[in-house]
Amino acid sequence: MNRLAPAAPRVKESTLPGVGKKYVIELEEGGHVAVIVKPDGERQLYHFLEDEDRPCDVLTLEAPEAQQVAMLLGTQLIAAPDREDLQIALGQLDLEWVKLDEGSPIVGKTLLESQLRKRTGASVVAVLRDDEAIANPPIDTRFEVGDTVVIIGTPEQGEAARRKLEGDAG
């Protein structure tokens, strides 16, 4: 028997005056999940079993935690965009991925200490470390050997940043 892929779940949205927005997703296995999004970025997730008025699970996430969960879920559900498509979408901007080795002059320095943007014009948008992605890294993020630094800028800025990250003064 061939089983058809389930349709995308429908999301019901409503405004909760003075609280925020509420999104409800019906689950294929029965029951539903309600997500409350507050103006300060906090998210509350409520899991309701089928035919139950009270949630069986409640989870509160601060904005950074919600972002991390979204990234974890998104990486499993959405294929990475094609780099060529990204370049078209970004127009004159390029993304560069630079892996840091022991010879990189920024290893051991913080993002602030590296002065990468000031010296090259390129911005660090993420640091990939082991199985972790640090999106929009804070200025006190310290670079380590093996980190992959994701930078964005014009082609010239990207090349200047690559040279600085790799320790090539030329």
C-alpha atoms as a PDB file:
ATOM      1  CA  MET A   1       0.000   0.000   0.000  1.00  0.00           C
ATOM      2  CA  ASN A   2       1.443   3.363  -1.017  1.00  0.00           C
ATOM      3  CA  ARG A   3       1.226   5.991   1.661  1.00  0.00           C
ATOM      4  CA  LEU A   4       0.993   9.583   0.519  1.00  0.00           C
ATOM      5  CA  ALA A   5       3.198  12.152   2.174  1.00  0.00           C
ATOM      6  CA  PRO A   6       1.198  14.194   4.678  1.00  0.00           C
ATOM      7  CA  ALA A   7       0.242  17.702   3.690  1.00  0.00           C
ATOM      8  CA  ALA A   8       1.972  20.558   5.468  1.00  0.00           C
ATOM      9  CA  PRO A   9       0.224  21.144   8.779  1.00  0.00           C
ATOM     10  CA  ARG A  10      -2.102  24.101   8.898  1.00  0.00           C
ATOM     11  CA  VAL A  11      -1.217  26.815  11.372  1.00  0.00           C
ATOM     12  CA  LYS A  12      -3.941  28.845  13.066  1.00  0.00           C
ATOM     13  CA  GLU A  13      -2.802  32.291  14.174  1.00  0.00           C
ATOM     14  CA  SER A  14      -4.508  34.584  16.671  1.00  0.00           C
ATOM     15  CA  THR A  15      -3.644  37.696  18.644  1.00  0.00           C
ATOM     16  CA  LEU A  16      -3.719  37.553  22.417  1.00  0.00           C
ATOM     17  CA  PRO A  17      -4.203  41.190  23.520  1.00  0.00           C
ATOM     18  CA  GLY A  18      -1.508  42.228  25.970  1.00  0.00           C
ATOM     19  CA  VAL A  19       0.285  38.880  25.592  1.00  0.00           C
ATOM     20  CA  GLY A  20       1.413  38.388  22.005  1.00  0.00           C
ATOM     21  CA  LYS A  21       0.611  35.996  19.159  1.00  0.00           C
ATOM     22  CA  LYS A  22      -0.608  32.411  19.420  1.00  0.00           C
ATOM     23  CA  TYR A  23       0.028  29.764  16.780  1.00  0.00           C
ATOM     24  CA  VAL A  24      -1.642  26.354  16.897  1.00  0.00           C
ATOM     25  CA  ILE A  25      -0.518  23.357  14.854  1.00  0.00           C
ATOM     26  CA  GLU A  26      -2.614  20.184  14.727  1.00  0.00           C
ATOM     27  CA  LEU A  27      -0.428  17.067  14.970  1.00  0.00           C
ATOM     28  CA  GLU A  28      -0.873  14.109  12.636  1.00  0.00           C
ATOM     29  CA  GLU A  29      -0.726  11.699  15.583  1.00  0.00           C
ATOM     30  CA  GLY A  30      -3.483  13.626  17.368  1.00  0.00           C
ATOM     31  CA  GLY A  31      -3.440  16.561  19.697  1.00  0.00           C
ATOM     32  CA  HIS A  32      -1.820  19.866  18.937  1.00  0.00           C
ATOM     33  CA  VAL A  33       0.995  22.246  19.833  1.00  0.00           C
ATOM     34  CA  ALA A  34       0.365  25.866  20.744  1.00  0.00           C
ATOM     35  CA  VAL A  35       3.187  28.406  20.559  1.00  0.00           C
ATOM     36  CA  ILE A  36       2.831  31.769  22.287  1.00  0.00           C
ATOM     37  CA  VAL A  37       5.226  34.463  21.021  1.00  0.00           C
ATOM     38  CA  LYS A  38       5.612  37.380  23.396  1.00  0.00           C
ATOM     39  CA  PRO A  39       6.802  40.845  22.328  1.00  0.00           C
ATOM     40  CA  ASP A  40      10.095  40.367  24.246  1.00  0.00           C
ATOM     41  CA  GLY A  41      10.905  37.304  22.118  1.00  0.00           C
ATOM     42  CA  GLU A  42      10.073  34.698  24.759  1.00  0.00           C
ATOM     43  CA  ARG A  43       8.283  31.637  23.396  1.00  0.00           C
ATOM     44  CA  GLN A  44       6.040  29.280  25.303  1.00  0.00           C
ATOM     45  CA  LEU A  45       5.268  25.886  23.812  1.00  0.00           C
ATOM     46  CA  TYR A  46       2.259  23.887  24.982  1.00  0.00           C
ATOM     47  CA  HIS A  47       1.724  20.267  23.944  1.00  0.00           C
ATOM     48  CA  PHE A  48      -1.867  19.047  24.174  1.00  0.00           C
ATOM     49  CA  LEU A  49      -2.820  15.392  23.808  1.00  0.00           C
ATOM     50  CA  GLU A  50      -5.891  14.530  21.769  1.00  0.00           C
ATOM     51  CA  ASP A  51      -9.152  15.470  23.536  1.00  0.00           C
ATOM     52  CA  GLU A  52      -7.302  17.112  26.466  1.00  0.00           C
ATOM     53  CA  ASP A  53      -7.970  20.663  27.687  1.00  0.00           C
ATOM     54  CA  ARG A  54      -4.747  20.953  29.674  1.00  0.00           C
ATOM     55  CA  PRO A  55      -1.252  20.682  28.195  1.00  0.00           C
ATOM     56  CA  CYS A  56       0.780  17.611  29.039  1.00  0.00           C
ATOM     57  CA  ASP A  57       4.042  19.523  28.448  1.00  0.00           C
ATOM     58  CA  VAL A  58       4.966  23.193  28.747  1.00  0.00           C
ATOM     59  CA  LEU A  59       8.278  24.672  27.668  1.00  0.00           C
ATOM     60  CA  THR A  60       9.403  28.289  28.012  1.00  0.00           C
ATOM     61  CA  LEU A  61      12.275  29.504  25.831  1.00  0.00           C
ATOM     62  CA  GLU A  62      14.022  32.864  25.987  1.00  0.00           C
ATOM     63  CA  ALA A  63      14.633  34.500  22.577  1.00  0.00           C
ATOM     64  CA  PRO A  64      18.202  33.110  22.113  1.00  0.00           C
ATOM     65  CA  GLU A  65      17.083  29.608  23.108  1.00  0.00           C
ATOM     66  CA  ALA A  66      14.125  29.782  20.712  1.00  0.00           C
ATOM     67  CA  GLN A  67      16.488  30.874  17.929  1.00  0.00           C
ATOM     68  CA  GLN A  68      18.792  27.923  18.637  1.00  0.00           C
ATOM     69  CA  VAL A  69      15.889  25.450  18.629  1.00  0.00           C
ATOM     70  CA  ALA A  70      14.647  26.954  15.363  1.00  0.00           C
ATOM     71  CA  MET A  71      18.107  26.526  13.856  1.00  0.00           C
ATOM     72  CA  LEU A  72      18.279  22.907  15.012  1.00  0.00           C
ATOM     73  CA  LEU A  73      14.854  22.108  13.612  1.00  0.00           C
ATOM     74  CA  GLY A  74      15.471  24.057  10.426  1.00  0.00           C
ATOM     75  CA  THR A  75      18.731  22.286   9.618  1.00  0.00           C
ATOM     76  CA  GLN A  76      16.923  18.961   9.632  1.00  0.00           C
ATOM     77  CA  LEU A  77      13.917  20.072   7.613  1.00  0.00           C
ATOM     78  CA  ILE A  78      15.334  22.500   5.076  1.00  0.00           C
ATOM     79  CA  ALA A  79      18.113  21.738   2.639  1.00  0.00           C
ATOM     80  CA  ALA A  80      21.011  24.165   2.554  1.00  0.00           C
ATOM     81  CA  PRO A  81      20.620  26.739  -0.194  1.00  0.00           C
ATOM     82  CA  ASP A  82      22.735  26.405  -3.302  1.00  0.00           C
ATOM     83  CA  ARG A  83      25.680  28.812  -3.091  1.00  0.00           C
ATOM     84  CA  GLU A  84      24.997  30.114  -6.608  1.00  0.00           C
ATOM     85  CA  ASP A  85      21.393  30.911  -5.648  1.00  0.00           C
ATOM     86  CA  LEU A  86      22.668  32.669  -2.529  1.00  0.00           C
ATOM     87  CA  GLN A  87      25.031  34.816  -4.566  1.00  0.00           C
ATOM     88  CA  ILE A  88      22.193  35.837  -6.879  1.00  0.00           C
ATOM     89  CA  ALA A  89      19.988  36.688  -3.894  1.00  0.00           C
ATOM     90  CA  LEU A  90      22.733  38.635  -2.158  1.00  0.00           C
ATOM     91  CA  GLY A  91      23.604  40.637  -5.255  1.00  0.00           C
ATOM     92  CA  GLN A  92      27.011  42.234  -4.831  1.00  0.00           C
ATOM     93  CA  LEU A  93      27.710  40.459  -1.544  1.00  0.00           C
ATOM     94  CA  ASP A  94      29.673  37.252  -1.140  1.00  0.00           C
ATOM     95  CA  LEU A  95      29.701  34.742   1.671  1.00  0.00           C
ATOM     96  CA  GLU A  96      33.075  33.253   2.560  1.00  0.00           C
ATOM     97  CA  TRP A  97      33.780  30.248   4.768  1.00  0.00           C
ATOM     98  CA  VAL A  98      37.316  30.323   6.184  1.00  0.00           C
ATOM     99  CA  LYS A  99      38.624  27.508   8.378  1.00  0.00           C
ATOM    100  CA  LEU A 100      41.157  28.696  10.956  1.00  0.00           C
ATOM    101  CA  ASP A 101      44.378  26.748  11.339  1.00  0.00           C
ATOM    102  CA  GLU A 102      47.161  27.102  13.897  1.00  0.00           C
ATOM    103  CA  GLY A 103      48.842  29.829  11.835  1.00  0.00           C
ATOM    104  CA  SER A 104      45.863  32.181  11.809  1.00  0.00           C
ATOM    105  CA  PRO A 105      46.717  35.452  13.560  1.00  0.00           C
ATOM    106  CA  ILE A 106      43.221  35.707  15.052  1.00  0.00           C
ATOM    107  CA  VAL A 107      43.278  32.359  16.901  1.00  0.00           C
ATOM    108  CA  GLY A 108      43.036  33.193  20.601  1.00  0.00           C
ATOM    109  CA  LYS A 109      41.652  36.672  19.940  1.00  0.00           C
ATOM    110  CA  THR A 110      38.073  37.840  20.381  1.00  0.00           C
ATOM    111  CA  LEU A 111      36.015  39.155  17.500  1.00  0.00           C
ATOM    112  CA  LEU A 112      36.507  42.657  18.914  1.00  0.00           C
ATOM    113  CA  GLU A 113      40.284  42.209  19.221  1.00  0.00           C
ATOM    114  CA  SER A 114      40.531  40.919  15.648  1.00  0.00           C
ATOM    115  CA  GLN A 115      39.165  44.226  14.284  1.00  0.00           C
ATOM    116  CA  LEU A 116      38.152  42.245  11.195  1.00  0.00           C
ATOM    117  CA  ARG A 117      35.331  44.549  10.133  1.00  0.00           C
ATOM    118  CA  LYS A 118      37.313  47.723  10.856  1.00  0.00           C
ATOM    119  CA  ARG A 119      40.318  46.509   8.844  1.00  0.00           C
ATOM    120  CA  THR A 120      38.533  44.757   5.961  1.00  0.00           C
ATOM    121  CA  GLY A 121      34.907  45.931   5.859  1.00  0.00           C
ATOM    122  CA  ALA A 122      33.664  42.327   5.995  1.00  0.00           C
ATOM    123  CA  SER A 123      31.327  41.187   8.787  1.00  0.00           C
ATOM    124  CA  VAL A 124      31.406  37.899  10.665  1.00  0.00           C
ATOM    125  CA  VAL A 125      27.908  36.416  10.493  1.00  0.00           C
ATOM    126  CA  ALA A 126      28.661  33.055  12.121  1.00  0.00           C
ATOM    127  CA  VAL A 127      31.341  30.901  13.671  1.00  0.00           C
ATOM    128  CA  LEU A 128      30.994  27.143  13.144  1.00  0.00           C
ATOM    129  CA  ARG A 129      32.680  25.205  15.948  1.00  0.00           C
ATOM    130  CA  ASP A 130      32.425  21.429  16.221  1.00  0.00           C
ATOM    131  CA  ASP A 131      28.672  20.772  15.967  1.00  0.00           C
ATOM    132  CA  GLU A 132      27.713  24.288  17.091  1.00  0.00           C
ATOM    133  CA  ALA A 133      26.820  27.321  15.005  1.00  0.00           C
ATOM    134  CA  ILE A 134      27.294  30.673  16.706  1.00  0.00           C
ATOM    135  CA  ALA A 135      25.101  33.012  14.665  1.00  0.00           C
ATOM    136  CA  ASN A 136      25.911  36.731  14.849  1.00  0.00           C
ATOM    137  CA  PRO A 137      28.689  36.015  17.337  1.00  0.00           C
ATOM    138  CA  PRO A 138      29.059  38.443  20.229  1.00  0.00           C
ATOM    139  CA  ILE A 139      32.182  40.610  20.246  1.00  0.00           C
ATOM    140  CA  ASP A 140      33.674  38.542  23.092  1.00  0.00           C
ATOM    141  CA  THR A 141      33.618  35.326  20.996  1.00  0.00           C
ATOM    142  CA  ARG A 142      37.182  33.968  21.086  1.00  0.00           C
ATOM    143  CA  PHE A 143      38.413  32.282  17.893  1.00  0.00           C
ATOM    144  CA  GLU A 144      39.822  28.747  18.142  1.00  0.00           C
ATOM    145  CA  VAL A 145      41.835  26.476  15.852  1.00  0.00           C
ATOM    146  CA  GLY A 146      39.366  24.562  13.666  1.00  0.00           C
ATOM    147  CA  ASP A 147      36.659  27.237  13.730  1.00  0.00           C
ATOM    148  CA  THR A 148      35.047  28.032  10.395  1.00  0.00           C
ATOM    149  CA  VAL A 149      34.388  31.762  10.211  1.00  0.00           C
ATOM    150  CA  VAL A 150      31.514  32.781   7.938  1.00  0.00           C
ATOM    151  CA  ILE A 151      31.948  36.317   6.624  1.00  0.00           C
ATOM    152  CA  ILE A 152      29.904  38.530   4.343  1.00  0.00           C
ATOM    153  CA  GLY A 153      30.958  41.522   2.292  1.00  0.00           C
ATOM    154  CA  THR A 154      31.790  42.683  -1.199  1.00  0.00           C
ATOM    155  CA  PRO A 155      34.182  40.430  -3.121  1.00  0.00           C
ATOM    156  CA  GLU A 156      37.045  42.791  -2.232  1.00  0.00           C
ATOM    157  CA  GLN A 157      36.127  42.851   1.459  1.00  0.00           C
ATOM    158  CA  GLY A 158      35.778  39.063   1.506  1.00  0.00           C
ATOM    159  CA  GLU A 159      39.212  38.618  -0.059  1.00  0.00           C
ATOM    160  CA  ALA A 160      40.798  41.069   2.419  1.00  0.00           C
ATOM    161  CA  ALA A 161      39.142  39.236   5.320  1.00  0.00           C
ATOM    162  CA  ARG A 162      40.271  35.855   3.986  1.00  0.00           C
ATOM    163  CA  ARG A 163      43.871  37.113   3.792  1.00  0.00           C
ATOM    164  CA  LYS A 164      43.679  38.437   7.371  1.00  0.00           C
ATOM    165  CA  LEU A 165      42.117  35.219   8.699  1.00  0.00           C
ATOM    166  CA  GLU A 166      44.694  33.057   6.939  1.00  0.00           C
ATOM    167  CA  GLY A 167      47.603  35.239   8.021  1.00  0.00           C
ATOM    168  CA  ASP A 168      48.582  36.435   4.556  1.00  0.00           C
ATOM    169  CA  ALA A 169      49.506  40.111   4.753  1.00  0.00           C
ATOM    170  CA  GLY A 170      49.547  40.447   0.961  1.00  0.00           C
END
